[in-house]
Each structure stands twice: as structure tokens, then as C-alpha cells.
Amino acid sequence: TQEKLGEWDTELIEHWFHSVAQSAGLTLHCQVLYG
């Protein structure tokens, strides 16, 4: 719900996980149940 954590753009967090999954060959499911 905010654009940045520190100076890091929060829209890049999903992209980081996507890129790791792609290059490591992972089937990866990430879910926030609440928070």
C-alpha cells in the first residue's frame, strides 16, 4: 500500500521473486494471508 520501502520501489518486489524463480527453475507460490 506504499510505493517505497526505504528507497526501494515496492513494485519491484514481485519482479525480484519472478526473476529468481525463472532463473533458478522454481515453481514458487507466495501469499500474504493477512497483514
Full PDB file with SEQRES, HELIX, SHEET, SSBOND, CRYST1, ORIGX, SCALE, CONECT and MASTER records, all heavy atoms in Angstrom:
SEQRES   1 A   35  THR GLN GLU LYS LEU GLY GLU TRP ASP THR GLU LEU ILE          
SEQRES   2 A   35  GLU HIS TRP PHE HIS SER VAL ALA GLN SER ALA GLY LEU          
SEQRES   3 A   35  THR LEU HIS CYS GLN VAL LEU TYR GLY                          
HELIX    1 AA1 GLU A   11  ALA A   24  1                                  14    
SHEET    1 AA1 2 LYS A   4  LEU A   5  0                                        
SHEET    2 AA1 2 TRP A   8  ASP A   9 -1                                        
CRYST1    1.000    1.000    1.000  90.00  90.00  90.00 P 1           1          
ORIGX1      1.000000  0.000000  0.000000        0.00000                         
ORIGX2      0.000000  1.000000  0.000000        0.00000                         
ORIGX3      0.000000  0.000000  1.000000        0.00000                         
SCALE1      1.000000  0.000000  0.000000        0.00000                         
SCALE2      0.000000  1.000000  0.000000        0.00000                         
SCALE3      0.000000  0.000000  1.000000        0.00000                         
ATOM      1  N   THR A   1       0.810  -1.217   0.000  1.00  0.00           N  
ATOM      2  CA  THR A   1       0.000   0.000   0.000  1.00  0.00           C  
ATOM      3  C   THR A   1       0.845   1.269   0.000  1.00  0.00           C  
ATOM      4  O   THR A   1       0.304   2.358   0.106  1.00  0.00           O  
ATOM      5  CB  THR A   1      -0.952   0.018   1.209  1.00  0.00           C  
ATOM      6  OG1 THR A   1      -0.173  -0.077   2.422  1.00  0.00           O  
ATOM      7  CG2 THR A   1      -1.924  -1.152   1.144  1.00  0.00           C  
ATOM      8  N   GLN A   2       2.150   1.118  -0.096  1.00  0.00           N  
ATOM      9  CA  GLN A   2       3.012   2.284  -0.260  1.00  0.00           C  
ATOM     10  C   GLN A   2       3.978   2.027  -1.396  1.00  0.00           C  
ATOM     11  O   GLN A   2       4.258   0.879  -1.740  1.00  0.00           O  
ATOM     12  CB  GLN A   2       3.749   2.631   1.042  1.00  0.00           C  
ATOM     13  CG  GLN A   2       4.676   1.568   1.569  1.00  0.00           C  
ATOM     14  CD  GLN A   2       5.160   1.857   2.975  1.00  0.00           C  
ATOM     15  OE1 GLN A   2       4.369   1.978   3.912  1.00  0.00           O  
ATOM     16  NE2 GLN A   2       6.476   1.986   3.140  1.00  0.00           N  
ATOM     17  N   GLU A   3       4.474   3.096  -1.992  1.00  0.00           N  
ATOM     18  CA  GLU A   3       5.289   2.975  -3.200  1.00  0.00           C  
ATOM     19  C   GLU A   3       6.714   2.559  -2.924  1.00  0.00           C  
ATOM     20  O   GLU A   3       7.371   2.001  -3.803  1.00  0.00           O  
ATOM     21  CB  GLU A   3       5.269   4.293  -3.971  1.00  0.00           C  
ATOM     22  CG  GLU A   3       3.909   4.640  -4.561  1.00  0.00           C  
ATOM     23  CD  GLU A   3       3.951   5.904  -5.392  1.00  0.00           C  
ATOM     24  OE1 GLU A   3       5.042   6.521  -5.490  1.00  0.00           O  
ATOM     25  OE2 GLU A   3       2.906   6.272  -5.943  1.00  0.00           O  
ATOM     26  N   LYS A   4       7.230   2.823  -1.733  1.00  0.00           N  
ATOM     27  CA  LYS A   4       8.628   2.533  -1.446  1.00  0.00           C  
ATOM     28  C   LYS A   4       8.789   1.941  -0.057  1.00  0.00           C  
ATOM     29  O   LYS A   4       8.017   2.242   0.853  1.00  0.00           O  
ATOM     30  CB  LYS A   4       9.476   3.815  -1.544  1.00  0.00           C  
ATOM     31  CG  LYS A   4       9.629   4.349  -2.963  1.00  0.00           C  
ATOM     32  CD  LYS A   4      10.538   5.580  -2.982  1.00  0.00           C  
ATOM     33  CE  LYS A   4      10.712   6.122  -4.399  1.00  0.00           C  
ATOM     34  NZ  LYS A   4      11.484   5.199  -5.258  1.00  0.00           N  
ATOM     35  N   LEU A   5       9.801   1.088   0.085  1.00  0.00           N  
ATOM     36  CA  LEU A   5      10.316   0.659   1.377  1.00  0.00           C  
ATOM     37  C   LEU A   5      11.759   1.117   1.414  1.00  0.00           C  
ATOM     38  O   LEU A   5      12.573   0.650   0.618  1.00  0.00           O  
ATOM     39  CB  LEU A   5      10.206  -0.859   1.523  1.00  0.00           C  
ATOM     40  CG  LEU A   5       8.794  -1.387   1.792  1.00  0.00           C  
ATOM     41  CD1 LEU A   5       8.745  -2.895   1.625  1.00  0.00           C  
ATOM     42  CD2 LEU A   5       8.334  -0.990   3.184  1.00  0.00           C  
ATOM     43  N   GLY A   6      12.058   2.043   2.316  1.00  0.00           N  
ATOM     44  CA  GLY A   6      13.326   2.739   2.192  1.00  0.00           C  
ATOM     45  C   GLY A   6      13.315   3.471   0.869  1.00  0.00           C  
ATOM     46  O   GLY A   6      12.373   4.199   0.550  1.00  0.00           O  
ATOM     47  N   GLU A   7      14.332   3.207   0.050  1.00  0.00           N  
ATOM     48  CA  GLU A   7      14.368   3.814  -1.283  1.00  0.00           C  
ATOM     49  C   GLU A   7      13.958   2.828  -2.370  1.00  0.00           C  
ATOM     50  O   GLU A   7      13.979   3.140  -3.557  1.00  0.00           O  
ATOM     51  CB  GLU A   7      15.770   4.371  -1.586  1.00  0.00           C  
ATOM     52  CG  GLU A   7      16.838   3.333  -1.892  1.00  0.00           C  
ATOM     53  CD  GLU A   7      17.470   2.675  -0.678  1.00  0.00           C  
ATOM     54  OE1 GLU A   7      16.878   2.706   0.426  1.00  0.00           O  
ATOM     55  OE2 GLU A   7      18.575   2.121  -0.834  1.00  0.00           O  
ATOM     56  N   TRP A   8      13.560   1.603  -1.971  1.00  0.00           N  
ATOM     57  CA  TRP A   8      13.263   0.540  -2.927  1.00  0.00           C  
ATOM     58  C   TRP A   8      11.802   0.608  -3.366  1.00  0.00           C  
ATOM     59  O   TRP A   8      10.893   0.650  -2.532  1.00  0.00           O  
ATOM     60  CB  TRP A   8      13.548  -0.810  -2.298  1.00  0.00           C  
ATOM     61  CG  TRP A   8      13.664  -1.962  -3.259  1.00  0.00           C  
ATOM     62  CD1 TRP A   8      14.060  -1.916  -4.556  1.00  0.00           C  
ATOM     63  CD2 TRP A   8      13.408  -3.335  -2.961  1.00  0.00           C  
ATOM     64  NE1 TRP A   8      14.067  -3.183  -5.096  1.00  0.00           N  
ATOM     65  CE2 TRP A   8      13.668  -4.063  -4.137  1.00  0.00           C  
ATOM     66  CE3 TRP A   8      12.986  -4.010  -1.815  1.00  0.00           C  
ATOM     67  CZ2 TRP A   8      13.527  -5.452  -4.204  1.00  0.00           C  
ATOM     68  CZ3 TRP A   8      12.847  -5.387  -1.882  1.00  0.00           C  
ATOM     69  CH2 TRP A   8      13.117  -6.094  -3.067  1.00  0.00           C  
ATOM     70  N   ASP A   9      11.567   0.598  -4.671  1.00  0.00           N  
ATOM     71  CA  ASP A   9      10.206   0.622  -5.218  1.00  0.00           C  
ATOM     72  C   ASP A   9       9.512  -0.703  -4.933  1.00  0.00           C  
ATOM     73  O   ASP A   9       9.988  -1.768  -5.347  1.00  0.00           O  
ATOM     74  CB  ASP A   9      10.231   0.862  -6.733  1.00  0.00           C  
ATOM     75  CG  ASP A   9      10.861   2.190  -7.098  1.00  0.00           C  
ATOM     76  OD1 ASP A   9      10.715   3.146  -6.321  1.00  0.00           O  
ATOM     77  OD2 ASP A   9      11.507   2.267  -8.167  1.00  0.00           O  
ATOM     78  N   THR A  10       8.367  -0.661  -4.255  1.00  0.00           N  
ATOM     79  CA  THR A  10       7.700  -1.909  -3.871  1.00  0.00           C  
ATOM     80  C   THR A  10       7.188  -2.696  -5.080  1.00  0.00           C  
ATOM     81  O   THR A  10       7.017  -3.909  -4.988  1.00  0.00           O  
ATOM     82  CB  THR A  10       6.539  -1.641  -2.890  1.00  0.00           C  
ATOM     83  OG1 THR A  10       5.677  -0.634  -3.435  1.00  0.00           O  
ATOM     84  CG2 THR A  10       7.058  -1.188  -1.546  1.00  0.00           C  
ATOM     85  N   GLU A  11       6.974  -2.026  -6.219  1.00  0.00           N  
ATOM     86  CA  GLU A  11       6.541  -2.779  -7.402  1.00  0.00           C  
ATOM     87  C   GLU A  11       7.620  -3.749  -7.883  1.00  0.00           C  
ATOM     88  O   GLU A  11       7.327  -4.685  -8.631  1.00  0.00           O  
ATOM     89  CB  GLU A  11       6.164  -1.827  -8.535  1.00  0.00           C  
ATOM     90  CG  GLU A  11       7.342  -1.108  -9.176  1.00  0.00           C  
ATOM     91  CD  GLU A  11       6.940  -0.322 -10.419  1.00  0.00           C  
ATOM     92  OE1 GLU A  11       5.730  -0.212 -10.683  1.00  0.00           O  
ATOM     93  OE2 GLU A  11       7.852   0.173 -11.107  1.00  0.00           O  
ATOM     94  N   LEU A  12       8.861  -3.555  -7.432  1.00  0.00           N  
ATOM     95  CA  LEU A  12       9.955  -4.428  -7.856  1.00  0.00           C  
ATOM     96  C   LEU A  12      10.063  -5.702  -7.030  1.00  0.00           C  
ATOM     97  O   LEU A  12      10.811  -6.616  -7.401  1.00  0.00           O  
ATOM     98  CB  LEU A  12      11.277  -3.658  -7.803  1.00  0.00           C  
ATOM     99  CG  LEU A  12      11.397  -2.491  -8.783  1.00  0.00           C  
ATOM    100  CD1 LEU A  12      12.684  -1.712  -8.536  1.00  0.00           C  
ATOM    101  CD2 LEU A  12      11.333  -2.994 -10.225  1.00  0.00           C  
ATOM    102  N   ILE A  13       9.340  -5.784  -5.924  1.00  0.00           N  
ATOM    103  CA  ILE A  13       9.446  -6.960  -5.057  1.00  0.00           C  
ATOM    104  C   ILE A  13       8.922  -8.205  -5.773  1.00  0.00           C  
ATOM    105  O   ILE A  13       9.597  -9.244  -5.819  1.00  0.00           O  
ATOM    106  CB  ILE A  13       8.719  -6.720  -3.727  1.00  0.00           C  
ATOM    107  CG1 ILE A  13       9.409  -5.572  -2.973  1.00  0.00           C  
ATOM    108  CG2 ILE A  13       8.701  -7.991  -2.871  1.00  0.00           C  
ATOM    109  CD1 ILE A  13       8.630  -5.034  -1.798  1.00  0.00           C  
ATOM    110  N   GLU A  14       7.745  -8.116  -6.343  1.00  0.00           N  
ATOM    111  CA  GLU A  14       7.215  -9.248  -7.117  1.00  0.00           C  
ATOM    112  C   GLU A  14       8.156  -9.588  -8.262  1.00  0.00           C  
ATOM    113  O   GLU A  14       8.397 -10.777  -8.548  1.00  0.00           O  
ATOM    114  CB  GLU A  14       5.830  -8.921  -7.666  1.00  0.00           C  
ATOM    115  CG  GLU A  14       5.244 -10.039  -8.510  1.00  0.00           C  
ATOM    116  CD  GLU A  14       3.885  -9.711  -9.101  1.00  0.00           C  
ATOM    117  OE1 GLU A  14       3.349  -8.611  -8.826  1.00  0.00           O  
ATOM    118  OE2 GLU A  14       3.342 -10.562  -9.844  1.00  0.00           O  
ATOM    119  N   HIS A  15       8.717  -8.579  -8.904  1.00  0.00           N  
ATOM    120  CA  HIS A  15       9.610  -8.821 -10.034  1.00  0.00           C  
ATOM    121  C   HIS A  15      10.870  -9.552  -9.591  1.00  0.00           C  
ATOM    122  O   HIS A  15      11.398 -10.404 -10.328  1.00  0.00           O  
ATOM    123  CB  HIS A  15       9.957  -7.492 -10.710  1.00  0.00           C  
ATOM    124  CG  HIS A  15      10.626  -7.658 -12.027  1.00  0.00           C  
ATOM    125  ND1 HIS A  15      10.083  -8.396 -13.067  1.00  0.00           N  
ATOM    126  CD2 HIS A  15      11.828  -7.214 -12.486  1.00  0.00           C  
ATOM    127  CE1 HIS A  15      10.902  -8.380 -14.093  1.00  0.00           C  
ATOM    128  NE2 HIS A  15      11.976  -7.683 -13.763  1.00  0.00           N  
ATOM    129  N   TRP A  16      11.373  -9.252  -8.403  1.00  0.00           N  
ATOM    130  CA  TRP A  16      12.538  -9.958  -7.871  1.00  0.00           C  
ATOM    131  C   TRP A  16      12.225 -11.444  -7.726  1.00  0.00           C  
ATOM    132  O   TRP A  16      12.994 -12.307  -8.162  1.00  0.00           O  
ATOM    133  CB  TRP A  16      12.952  -9.360  -6.523  1.00  0.00           C  
ATOM    134  CG  TRP A  16      14.238  -9.908  -5.981  1.00  0.00           C  
ATOM    135  CD1 TRP A  16      15.487  -9.387  -6.146  1.00  0.00           C  
ATOM    136  CD2 TRP A  16      14.397 -11.094  -5.172  1.00  0.00           C  
ATOM    137  NE1 TRP A  16      16.419 -10.177  -5.499  1.00  0.00           N  
ATOM    138  CE2 TRP A  16      15.777 -11.220  -4.904  1.00  0.00           C  
ATOM    139  CE3 TRP A  16      13.515 -12.044  -4.665  1.00  0.00           C  
ATOM    140  CZ2 TRP A  16      16.290 -12.267  -4.134  1.00  0.00           C  
ATOM    141  CZ3 TRP A  16      14.030 -13.093  -3.907  1.00  0.00           C  
ATOM    142  CH2 TRP A  16      15.396 -13.204  -3.645  1.00  0.00           C  
ATOM    143  N   PHE A  17      11.092 -11.760  -7.112  1.00  0.00           N  
ATOM    144  CA  PHE A  17      10.718 -13.160  -6.924  1.00  0.00           C  
ATOM    145  C   PHE A  17      10.503 -13.854  -8.270  1.00  0.00           C  
ATOM    146  O   PHE A  17      10.906 -15.016  -8.449  1.00  0.00           O  
ATOM    147  CB  PHE A  17       9.470 -13.272  -6.048  1.00  0.00           C  
ATOM    148  CG  PHE A  17       9.753 -13.154  -4.579  1.00  0.00           C  
ATOM    149  CD1 PHE A  17       9.703 -11.931  -3.936  1.00  0.00           C  
ATOM    150  CD2 PHE A  17      10.082 -14.272  -3.832  1.00  0.00           C  
ATOM    151  CE1 PHE A  17       9.971 -11.816  -2.576  1.00  0.00           C  
ATOM    152  CE2 PHE A  17      10.355 -14.178  -2.466  1.00  0.00           C  
ATOM    153  CZ  PHE A  17      10.300 -12.939  -1.835  1.00  0.00           C  
ATOM    154  N   HIS A  18       9.889 -13.154  -9.213  1.00  0.00           N  
ATOM    155  CA  HIS A  18       9.677 -13.721 -10.544  1.00  0.00           C  
ATOM    156  C   HIS A  18      11.015 -14.050 -11.202  1.00  0.00           C  
ATOM    157  O   HIS A  18      11.196 -15.125 -11.786  1.00  0.00           O  
ATOM    158  CB  HIS A  18       8.882 -12.739 -11.402  1.00  0.00           C  
ATOM    159  CG  HIS A  18       8.666 -13.201 -12.803  1.00  0.00           C  
ATOM    160  ND1 HIS A  18       9.510 -12.859 -13.843  1.00  0.00           N  
ATOM    161  CD2 HIS A  18       7.716 -14.000 -13.351  1.00  0.00           C  
ATOM    162  CE1 HIS A  18       9.088 -13.415 -14.953  1.00  0.00           C  
ATOM    163  NE2 HIS A  18       8.002 -14.111 -14.697  1.00  0.00           N  
ATOM    164  N   SER A  19      11.970 -13.138 -11.105  1.00  0.00           N  
ATOM    165  CA  SER A  19      13.266 -13.330 -11.753  1.00  0.00           C  
ATOM    166  C   SER A  19      14.050 -14.469 -11.117  1.00  0.00           C  
ATOM    167  O   SER A  19      14.705 -15.253 -11.814  1.00  0.00           O  
ATOM    168  CB  SER A  19      14.073 -12.023 -11.702  1.00  0.00           C  
ATOM    169  OG  SER A  19      13.409 -11.001 -12.407  1.00  0.00           O  
ATOM    170  N   VAL A  20      14.007 -14.593  -9.794  1.00  0.00           N  
ATOM    171  CA  VAL A  20      14.673 -15.709  -9.119  1.00  0.00           C  
ATOM    172  C   VAL A  20      14.035 -17.029  -9.530  1.00  0.00           C  
ATOM    173  O   VAL A  20      14.732 -18.003  -9.847  1.00  0.00           O  
ATOM    174  CB  VAL A  20      14.629 -15.543  -7.582  1.00  0.00           C  
ATOM    175  CG1 VAL A  20      15.025 -16.832  -6.883  1.00  0.00           C  
ATOM    176  CG2 VAL A  20      15.553 -14.421  -7.144  1.00  0.00           C  
ATOM    177  N   ALA A  21      12.710 -17.071  -9.536  1.00  0.00           N  
ATOM    178  CA  ALA A  21      12.013 -18.306  -9.906  1.00  0.00           C  
ATOM    179  C   ALA A  21      12.370 -18.726 -11.329  1.00  0.00           C  
ATOM    180  O   ALA A  21      12.623 -19.907 -11.601  1.00  0.00           O  
ATOM    181  CB  ALA A  21      10.503 -18.124  -9.763  1.00  0.00           C  
ATOM    182  N   GLN A  22      12.404 -17.770 -12.245  1.00  0.00           N  
ATOM    183  CA  GLN A  22      12.712 -18.070 -13.640  1.00  0.00           C  
ATOM    184  C   GLN A  22      14.125 -18.629 -13.791  1.00  0.00           C  
ATOM    185  O   GLN A  22      14.339 -19.630 -14.477  1.00  0.00           O  
ATOM    186  CB  GLN A  22      12.548 -16.810 -14.498  1.00  0.00           C  
ATOM    187  CG  GLN A  22      11.116 -16.389 -14.713  1.00  0.00           C  
ATOM    188  CD  GLN A  22      10.352 -17.361 -15.590  1.00  0.00           C  
ATOM    189  OE1 GLN A  22      10.818 -17.768 -16.644  1.00  0.00           O  
ATOM    190  NE2 GLN A  22       9.165 -17.739 -15.149  1.00  0.00           N  
ATOM    191  N   SER A  23      15.088 -17.980 -13.176  1.00  0.00           N  
ATOM    192  CA  SER A  23      16.481 -18.377 -13.413  1.00  0.00           C  
ATOM    193  C   SER A  23      16.908 -19.581 -12.582  1.00  0.00           C  
ATOM    194  O   SER A  23      17.809 -20.320 -12.986  1.00  0.00           O  
ATOM    195  CB  SER A  23      17.425 -17.193 -13.168  1.00  0.00           C  
ATOM    196  OG  SER A  23      17.286 -16.703 -11.854  1.00  0.00           O  
ATOM    197  N   ALA A  24      16.263 -19.807 -11.438  1.00  0.00           N  
ATOM    198  CA  ALA A  24      16.600 -20.976 -10.618  1.00  0.00           C  
ATOM    199  C   ALA A  24      15.766 -22.195 -10.993  1.00  0.00           C  
ATOM    200  O   ALA A  24      16.078 -23.303 -10.567  1.00  0.00           O  
ATOM    201  CB  ALA A  24      16.409 -20.658  -9.136  1.00  0.00           C  
ATOM    202  N   GLY A  25      14.704 -22.004 -11.773  1.00  0.00           N  
ATOM    203  CA  GLY A  25      13.836 -23.108 -12.153  1.00  0.00           C  
ATOM    204  C   GLY A  25      12.901 -23.538 -11.040  1.00  0.00           C  
ATOM    205  O   GLY A  25      12.708 -24.733 -10.806  1.00  0.00           O  
ATOM    206  N   LEU A  26      12.302 -22.556 -10.370  1.00  0.00           N  
ATOM    207  CA  LEU A  26      11.414 -22.839  -9.245  1.00  0.00           C  
ATOM    208  C   LEU A  26       9.953 -22.659  -9.634  1.00  0.00           C  
ATOM    209  O   LEU A  26       9.600 -21.684 -10.304  1.00  0.00           O  
ATOM    210  CB  LEU A  26      11.696 -21.879  -8.082  1.00  0.00           C  
ATOM    211  CG  LEU A  26      13.124 -21.741  -7.586  1.00  0.00           C  
ATOM    212  CD1 LEU A  26      13.188 -20.692  -6.485  1.00  0.00           C  
ATOM    213  CD2 LEU A  26      13.662 -23.079  -7.105  1.00  0.00           C  
ATOM    214  N   THR A  27       9.114 -23.556  -9.179  1.00  0.00           N  
ATOM    215  CA  THR A  27       7.685 -23.284  -9.097  1.00  0.00           C  
ATOM    216  C   THR A  27       7.480 -22.671  -7.718  1.00  0.00           C  
ATOM    217  O   THR A  27       7.731 -23.328  -6.705  1.00  0.00           O  
ATOM    218  CB  THR A  27       6.860 -24.569  -9.238  1.00  0.00           C  
ATOM    219  OG1 THR A  27       7.128 -25.157 -10.512  1.00  0.00           O  
ATOM    220  CG2 THR A  27       5.374 -24.280  -9.118  1.00  0.00           C  
ATOM    221  N   LEU A  28       7.041 -21.426  -7.676  1.00  0.00           N  
ATOM    222  CA  LEU A  28       7.069 -20.646  -6.435  1.00  0.00           C  
ATOM    223  C   LEU A  28       5.719 -19.980  -6.207  1.00  0.00           C  
ATOM    224  O   LEU A  28       5.228 -19.257  -7.073  1.00  0.00           O  
ATOM    225  CB  LEU A  28       8.183 -19.601  -6.541  1.00  0.00           C  
ATOM    226  CG  LEU A  28       8.374 -18.625  -5.379  1.00  0.00           C  
ATOM    227  CD1 LEU A  28       8.697 -19.375  -4.091  1.00  0.00           C  
ATOM    228  CD2 LEU A  28       9.507 -17.644  -5.725  1.00  0.00           C  
ATOM    229  N   HIS A  29       5.132 -20.263  -5.069  1.00  0.00           N  
ATOM    230  CA  HIS A  29       3.852 -19.670  -4.683  1.00  0.00           C  
ATOM    231  C   HIS A  29       4.076 -18.811  -3.437  1.00  0.00           C  
ATOM    232  O   HIS A  29       4.530 -19.328  -2.403  1.00  0.00           O  
ATOM    233  CB  HIS A  29       2.820 -20.754  -4.373  1.00  0.00           C  
ATOM    234  CG  HIS A  29       2.412 -21.544  -5.570  1.00  0.00           C  
ATOM    235  ND1 HIS A  29       1.139 -21.513  -6.092  1.00  0.00           N  
ATOM    236  CD2 HIS A  29       3.125 -22.394  -6.364  1.00  0.00           C  
ATOM    237  CE1 HIS A  29       1.069 -22.302  -7.148  1.00  0.00           C  
ATOM    238  NE2 HIS A  29       2.266 -22.857  -7.334  1.00  0.00           N  
ATOM    239  N   CYS A  30       3.774 -17.529  -3.539  1.00  0.00           N  
ATOM    240  CA  CYS A  30       3.950 -16.585  -2.439  1.00  0.00           C  
ATOM    241  C   CYS A  30       2.606 -15.936  -2.128  1.00  0.00           C  
ATOM    242  O   CYS A  30       1.971 -15.366  -3.025  1.00  0.00           O  
ATOM    243  CB  CYS A  30       4.945 -15.488  -2.810  1.00  0.00           C  
ATOM    244  SG  CYS A  30       6.601 -16.073  -3.218  1.00  0.00           S  
ATOM    245  N   GLN A  31       2.187 -16.000  -0.873  1.00  0.00           N  
ATOM    246  CA  GLN A  31       0.890 -15.449  -0.494  1.00  0.00           C  
ATOM    247  C   GLN A  31       0.985 -14.798   0.877  1.00  0.00           C  
ATOM    248  O   GLN A  31       1.530 -15.378   1.823  1.00  0.00           O  
ATOM    249  CB  GLN A  31      -0.153 -16.565  -0.457  1.00  0.00           C  
ATOM    250  CG  GLN A  31      -1.552 -16.100  -0.119  1.00  0.00           C  
ATOM    251  CD  GLN A  31      -2.561 -17.240  -0.138  1.00  0.00           C  
ATOM    252  OE1 GLN A  31      -2.188 -18.413  -0.080  1.00  0.00           O  
ATOM    253  NE2 GLN A  31      -3.832 -16.896  -0.226  1.00  0.00           N  
ATOM    254  N   VAL A  32       0.437 -13.600   0.968  1.00  0.00           N  
ATOM    255  CA  VAL A  32       0.266 -12.954   2.264  1.00  0.00           C  
ATOM    256  C   VAL A  32      -1.154 -13.264   2.730  1.00  0.00           C  
ATOM    257  O   VAL A  32      -2.128 -12.853   2.093  1.00  0.00           O  
ATOM    258  CB  VAL A  32       0.506 -11.437   2.182  1.00  0.00           C  
ATOM    259  CG1 VAL A  32       0.202 -10.775   3.523  1.00  0.00           C  
ATOM    260  CG2 VAL A  32       1.947 -11.157   1.783  1.00  0.00           C  
ATOM    261  N   LEU A  33      -1.262 -14.017   3.809  1.00  0.00           N  
ATOM    262  CA  LEU A  33      -2.577 -14.411   4.309  1.00  0.00           C  
ATOM    263  C   LEU A  33      -3.283 -13.234   4.970  1.00  0.00           C  
ATOM    264  O   LEU A  33      -4.486 -13.065   4.825  1.00  0.00           O  
ATOM    265  CB  LEU A  33      -2.439 -15.577   5.282  1.00  0.00           C  
ATOM    266  CG  LEU A  33      -1.806 -16.840   4.675  1.00  0.00           C  
ATOM    267  CD1 LEU A  33      -1.639 -17.916   5.735  1.00  0.00           C  
ATOM    268  CD2 LEU A  33      -2.640 -17.361   3.520  1.00  0.00           C  
ATOM    269  N   TYR A  34      -2.512 -12.432   5.691  1.00  0.00           N  
ATOM    270  CA  TYR A  34      -3.016 -11.166   6.231  1.00  0.00           C  
ATOM    271  C   TYR A  34      -1.840 -10.350   6.728  1.00  0.00           C  
ATOM    272  O   TYR A  34      -0.744 -10.864   6.922  1.00  0.00           O  
ATOM    273  CB  TYR A  34      -4.048 -11.377   7.346  1.00  0.00           C  
ATOM    274  CG  TYR A  34      -3.674 -12.412   8.389  1.00  0.00           C  
ATOM    275  CD1 TYR A  34      -2.819 -12.116   9.447  1.00  0.00           C  
ATOM    276  CD2 TYR A  34      -4.196 -13.700   8.314  1.00  0.00           C  
ATOM    277  CE1 TYR A  34      -2.489 -13.055  10.388  1.00  0.00           C  
ATOM    278  CE2 TYR A  34      -3.877 -14.657   9.260  1.00  0.00           C  
ATOM    279  CZ  TYR A  34      -3.026 -14.331  10.301  1.00  0.00           C  
ATOM    280  OH  TYR A  34      -2.699 -15.274  11.242  1.00  0.00           O  
ATOM    281  N   GLY A  35      -2.074  -9.064   6.880  1.00  0.00           N  
ATOM    282  CA  GLY A  35      -1.037  -8.152   7.333  1.00  0.00           C  
ATOM    283  C   GLY A  35      -1.287  -6.757   6.815  1.00  0.00           C  
ATOM    284  O   GLY A  35      -1.978  -6.587   5.796  1.00  0.00           O  
TER     285      GLY A  35                                                      
MASTER        0    0    0    1    2    0    0    6  284    1    0    3          
END                                                                             
